[in-house]
N, C-alpha and C. Protein backbone atom coordinates (compact mmCIF):
# COMPACT_ATOMS: atom_id res chain seq x y z
N MET A 1 38.12 -95.00 19.08
CA MET A 1 38.23 -94.16 17.90
C MET A 1 39.63 -94.35 17.30
N ALA A 2 39.66 -94.71 16.05
CA ALA A 2 40.93 -94.96 15.35
C ALA A 2 41.54 -93.64 14.88
N VAL A 3 42.84 -93.60 14.96
CA VAL A 3 43.56 -92.42 14.49
C VAL A 3 44.01 -92.68 13.07
N GLU A 4 43.70 -91.75 12.19
CA GLU A 4 44.12 -91.88 10.80
C GLU A 4 45.42 -91.14 10.60
N VAL A 5 46.39 -91.84 10.02
CA VAL A 5 47.70 -91.25 9.78
C VAL A 5 48.02 -91.38 8.30
N GLY A 6 48.41 -90.28 7.70
CA GLY A 6 48.78 -90.30 6.29
C GLY A 6 50.28 -90.16 6.15
N LEU A 7 50.75 -90.33 4.95
CA LEU A 7 52.17 -90.16 4.67
C LEU A 7 52.54 -88.69 4.75
N TRP A 8 53.69 -88.43 5.33
CA TRP A 8 54.19 -87.06 5.43
C TRP A 8 55.02 -86.77 4.18
N ASP A 9 54.74 -85.68 3.50
CA ASP A 9 55.44 -85.31 2.28
C ASP A 9 56.24 -84.04 2.53
N PRO A 10 57.58 -84.16 2.62
CA PRO A 10 58.41 -82.99 2.91
C PRO A 10 58.24 -81.88 1.88
N SER A 11 57.92 -82.24 0.64
CA SER A 11 57.81 -81.22 -0.40
C SER A 11 56.70 -80.20 -0.11
N GLU A 12 55.75 -80.59 0.71
CA GLU A 12 54.66 -79.68 1.06
C GLU A 12 55.08 -78.63 2.09
N HIS A 13 56.30 -78.77 2.64
CA HIS A 13 56.74 -77.87 3.70
C HIS A 13 57.99 -77.06 3.33
N LEU A 14 58.42 -77.18 2.08
CA LEU A 14 59.62 -76.46 1.62
C LEU A 14 59.17 -75.22 0.86
N GLU A 15 58.92 -74.15 1.60
CA GLU A 15 58.31 -72.97 1.01
C GLU A 15 59.29 -71.87 0.64
N SER A 16 60.44 -71.83 1.28
CA SER A 16 61.38 -70.73 1.03
C SER A 16 62.77 -71.29 0.73
N LEU A 17 63.64 -70.43 0.23
CA LEU A 17 65.02 -70.83 -0.02
C LEU A 17 65.70 -71.25 1.28
N GLU A 18 65.36 -70.59 2.37
CA GLU A 18 65.92 -70.95 3.68
C GLU A 18 65.49 -72.36 4.08
N ASP A 19 64.23 -72.72 3.82
CA ASP A 19 63.75 -74.08 4.10
C ASP A 19 64.55 -75.10 3.29
N ILE A 20 64.77 -74.78 2.02
CA ILE A 20 65.48 -75.68 1.12
C ILE A 20 66.92 -75.87 1.58
N VAL A 21 67.59 -74.78 1.91
CA VAL A 21 68.98 -74.86 2.35
C VAL A 21 69.08 -75.67 3.65
N ALA A 22 68.19 -75.44 4.58
CA ALA A 22 68.21 -76.18 5.84
C ALA A 22 67.96 -77.67 5.59
N TYR A 23 67.06 -77.99 4.71
CA TYR A 23 66.74 -79.38 4.38
C TYR A 23 67.95 -80.06 3.73
N LEU A 24 68.58 -79.38 2.78
CA LEU A 24 69.78 -79.93 2.13
C LEU A 24 70.91 -80.12 3.14
N ASN A 25 71.13 -79.14 3.99
CA ASN A 25 72.19 -79.25 5.00
C ASN A 25 71.93 -80.44 5.94
N ALA A 26 70.69 -80.63 6.33
CA ALA A 26 70.36 -81.77 7.20
C ALA A 26 70.63 -83.08 6.48
N ALA A 27 70.28 -83.15 5.20
CA ALA A 27 70.54 -84.37 4.42
C ALA A 27 72.04 -84.62 4.29
N LEU A 28 72.80 -83.56 4.05
CA LEU A 28 74.26 -83.70 3.91
C LEU A 28 74.92 -84.14 5.21
N GLU A 29 74.39 -83.72 6.34
CA GLU A 29 74.96 -84.10 7.64
C GLU A 29 74.88 -85.60 7.88
N GLU A 30 73.96 -86.27 7.23
CA GLU A 30 73.80 -87.71 7.43
C GLU A 30 74.81 -88.53 6.64
N ASP A 31 75.54 -87.90 5.73
CA ASP A 31 76.58 -88.58 4.94
C ASP A 31 76.04 -89.81 4.22
N ASP A 32 74.86 -89.66 3.63
CA ASP A 32 74.21 -90.76 2.91
C ASP A 32 73.78 -90.24 1.54
N PRO A 33 74.46 -90.65 0.47
CA PRO A 33 74.13 -90.16 -0.87
C PRO A 33 72.67 -90.39 -1.25
N ALA A 34 72.09 -91.52 -0.82
CA ALA A 34 70.69 -91.79 -1.14
C ALA A 34 69.76 -90.78 -0.48
N LEU A 35 70.12 -90.34 0.71
CA LEU A 35 69.30 -89.35 1.40
C LEU A 35 69.39 -87.99 0.69
N LEU A 36 70.58 -87.62 0.24
CA LEU A 36 70.73 -86.38 -0.52
C LEU A 36 69.91 -86.45 -1.80
N GLN A 37 69.96 -87.58 -2.47
CA GLN A 37 69.20 -87.80 -3.70
C GLN A 37 67.70 -87.63 -3.43
N ALA A 38 67.21 -88.25 -2.36
CA ALA A 38 65.80 -88.14 -2.01
C ALA A 38 65.43 -86.70 -1.64
N ALA A 39 66.31 -86.02 -0.92
CA ALA A 39 66.06 -84.62 -0.55
C ALA A 39 65.95 -83.75 -1.79
N LEU A 40 66.85 -83.97 -2.75
CA LEU A 40 66.77 -83.20 -4.00
C LEU A 40 65.47 -83.49 -4.73
N GLY A 41 65.02 -84.73 -4.68
CA GLY A 41 63.73 -85.06 -5.29
C GLY A 41 62.58 -84.34 -4.61
N ASP A 42 62.61 -84.28 -3.28
CA ASP A 42 61.57 -83.56 -2.53
C ASP A 42 61.57 -82.07 -2.88
N ILE A 43 62.77 -81.52 -2.97
CA ILE A 43 62.89 -80.09 -3.27
C ILE A 43 62.42 -79.79 -4.69
N ALA A 44 62.84 -80.64 -5.63
CA ALA A 44 62.41 -80.44 -7.02
C ALA A 44 60.89 -80.55 -7.12
N LYS A 45 60.30 -81.47 -6.39
CA LYS A 45 58.84 -81.60 -6.38
C LYS A 45 58.19 -80.35 -5.81
N ALA A 46 58.77 -79.82 -4.74
CA ALA A 46 58.22 -78.61 -4.11
C ALA A 46 58.29 -77.42 -5.06
N ARG A 47 59.35 -77.32 -5.83
CA ARG A 47 59.55 -76.20 -6.74
C ARG A 47 58.90 -76.42 -8.10
N GLY A 48 58.45 -77.63 -8.37
CA GLY A 48 57.83 -77.97 -9.64
C GLY A 48 58.82 -78.76 -10.50
N MET A 49 58.62 -80.06 -10.55
CA MET A 49 59.55 -80.94 -11.24
C MET A 49 59.73 -80.54 -12.70
N SER A 50 58.66 -80.16 -13.37
CA SER A 50 58.77 -79.77 -14.78
C SER A 50 59.65 -78.55 -14.95
N SER A 51 59.47 -77.58 -14.08
CA SER A 51 60.26 -76.35 -14.14
C SER A 51 61.74 -76.63 -13.87
N ILE A 52 62.03 -77.44 -12.86
CA ILE A 52 63.41 -77.77 -12.52
C ILE A 52 64.05 -78.57 -13.66
N ALA A 53 63.31 -79.52 -14.21
CA ALA A 53 63.83 -80.31 -15.32
C ALA A 53 64.17 -79.42 -16.51
N ARG A 54 63.29 -78.49 -16.82
CA ARG A 54 63.52 -77.57 -17.95
C ARG A 54 64.76 -76.72 -17.70
N GLU A 55 64.88 -76.14 -16.50
CA GLU A 55 66.03 -75.30 -16.17
C GLU A 55 67.33 -76.09 -16.14
N ALA A 56 67.25 -77.36 -15.78
CA ALA A 56 68.44 -78.22 -15.71
C ALA A 56 68.78 -78.84 -17.06
N GLY A 57 67.88 -78.68 -18.03
CA GLY A 57 68.11 -79.27 -19.34
C GLY A 57 67.92 -80.78 -19.34
N LEU A 58 66.99 -81.25 -18.52
CA LEU A 58 66.72 -82.69 -18.40
C LEU A 58 65.26 -82.97 -18.67
N GLY A 59 64.95 -84.20 -19.04
CA GLY A 59 63.56 -84.60 -19.20
C GLY A 59 62.90 -84.78 -17.85
N ARG A 60 61.63 -84.42 -17.76
CA ARG A 60 60.90 -84.52 -16.49
C ARG A 60 60.86 -85.95 -15.98
N GLU A 61 60.51 -86.91 -16.86
CA GLU A 61 60.42 -88.30 -16.45
C GLU A 61 61.80 -88.82 -16.01
N SER A 62 62.83 -88.41 -16.74
CA SER A 62 64.19 -88.81 -16.41
C SER A 62 64.59 -88.27 -15.04
N LEU A 63 64.20 -87.03 -14.76
CA LEU A 63 64.53 -86.43 -13.48
C LEU A 63 63.79 -87.13 -12.34
N TYR A 64 62.50 -87.42 -12.54
CA TYR A 64 61.75 -88.18 -11.52
C TYR A 64 62.46 -89.49 -11.21
N LYS A 65 62.86 -90.21 -12.26
CA LYS A 65 63.51 -91.50 -12.08
C LYS A 65 64.86 -91.34 -11.39
N SER A 66 65.66 -90.37 -11.82
CA SER A 66 66.98 -90.15 -11.24
C SER A 66 66.92 -89.83 -9.76
N LEU A 67 65.92 -89.05 -9.36
CA LEU A 67 65.84 -88.60 -7.98
C LEU A 67 64.95 -89.48 -7.09
N SER A 68 64.48 -90.59 -7.65
CA SER A 68 63.70 -91.53 -6.84
C SER A 68 64.66 -92.38 -6.02
N MET A 69 64.14 -93.11 -5.06
CA MET A 69 64.98 -93.97 -4.23
C MET A 69 65.66 -95.06 -5.05
N GLU A 70 65.08 -95.44 -6.17
CA GLU A 70 65.67 -96.46 -7.02
C GLU A 70 66.61 -95.87 -8.07
N GLY A 71 66.63 -94.57 -8.19
CA GLY A 71 67.44 -93.91 -9.22
C GLY A 71 68.92 -93.94 -8.90
N ASN A 72 69.70 -93.58 -9.91
CA ASN A 72 71.14 -93.54 -9.76
C ASN A 72 71.66 -92.34 -10.57
N PRO A 73 71.42 -91.12 -10.06
CA PRO A 73 71.79 -89.95 -10.84
C PRO A 73 73.31 -89.76 -10.92
N SER A 74 73.74 -89.22 -12.03
CA SER A 74 75.16 -88.88 -12.16
C SER A 74 75.43 -87.60 -11.38
N TRP A 75 76.70 -87.36 -11.11
CA TRP A 75 77.08 -86.12 -10.44
C TRP A 75 76.66 -84.92 -11.30
N GLN A 76 76.74 -85.07 -12.61
CA GLN A 76 76.33 -83.99 -13.52
C GLN A 76 74.85 -83.66 -13.33
N THR A 77 74.03 -84.69 -13.18
CA THR A 77 72.60 -84.45 -12.94
C THR A 77 72.40 -83.73 -11.62
N ILE A 78 73.09 -84.17 -10.58
CA ILE A 78 72.97 -83.54 -9.26
C ILE A 78 73.34 -82.06 -9.35
N THR A 79 74.47 -81.74 -10.01
CA THR A 79 74.89 -80.34 -10.09
C THR A 79 73.95 -79.51 -10.94
N LYS A 80 73.37 -80.10 -11.98
CA LYS A 80 72.40 -79.36 -12.79
C LYS A 80 71.15 -79.04 -11.98
N VAL A 81 70.70 -79.99 -11.17
CA VAL A 81 69.52 -79.77 -10.34
C VAL A 81 69.81 -78.71 -9.29
N LEU A 82 70.97 -78.80 -8.64
CA LEU A 82 71.34 -77.79 -7.65
C LEU A 82 71.37 -76.39 -8.28
N SER A 83 71.93 -76.30 -9.47
CA SER A 83 72.00 -75.01 -10.16
C SER A 83 70.59 -74.50 -10.49
N ALA A 84 69.73 -75.40 -10.97
CA ALA A 84 68.35 -75.01 -11.29
C ALA A 84 67.59 -74.56 -10.05
N LEU A 85 67.97 -75.10 -8.88
CA LEU A 85 67.33 -74.71 -7.63
C LEU A 85 67.91 -73.41 -7.07
N GLY A 86 69.04 -72.98 -7.64
CA GLY A 86 69.65 -71.74 -7.16
C GLY A 86 70.50 -71.92 -5.92
N VAL A 87 70.98 -73.15 -5.69
CA VAL A 87 71.84 -73.42 -4.54
C VAL A 87 73.12 -74.08 -5.02
N ARG A 88 74.13 -74.07 -4.16
CA ARG A 88 75.38 -74.75 -4.48
C ARG A 88 75.94 -75.35 -3.21
N LEU A 89 76.73 -76.38 -3.39
CA LEU A 89 77.37 -77.03 -2.25
C LEU A 89 78.71 -76.35 -2.02
N GLU A 90 79.05 -76.16 -0.74
CA GLU A 90 80.32 -75.57 -0.39
C GLU A 90 81.02 -76.45 0.62
N ALA A 91 82.34 -76.49 0.51
CA ALA A 91 83.13 -77.26 1.48
C ALA A 91 83.73 -76.29 2.47
């Protein structure tokens, strides 16, 4: 009997602000900007990309592209998304 395995989508498991904060903190611990970018994409997807794009003052398609693995978001885009998500980075 073959085992069927599908892709795991983190956005399906980010249900609360605590989940989001823990996910972001884990991404930040890896010290990899691409991982942070991907995590923000997962979180925006979980919260509704259109809603986050609107709150951040960005186009939905532009936000999808910026937060994809091939994207190259500016720091301004990152901070707008964080603000739209209701979180902030602290040192």
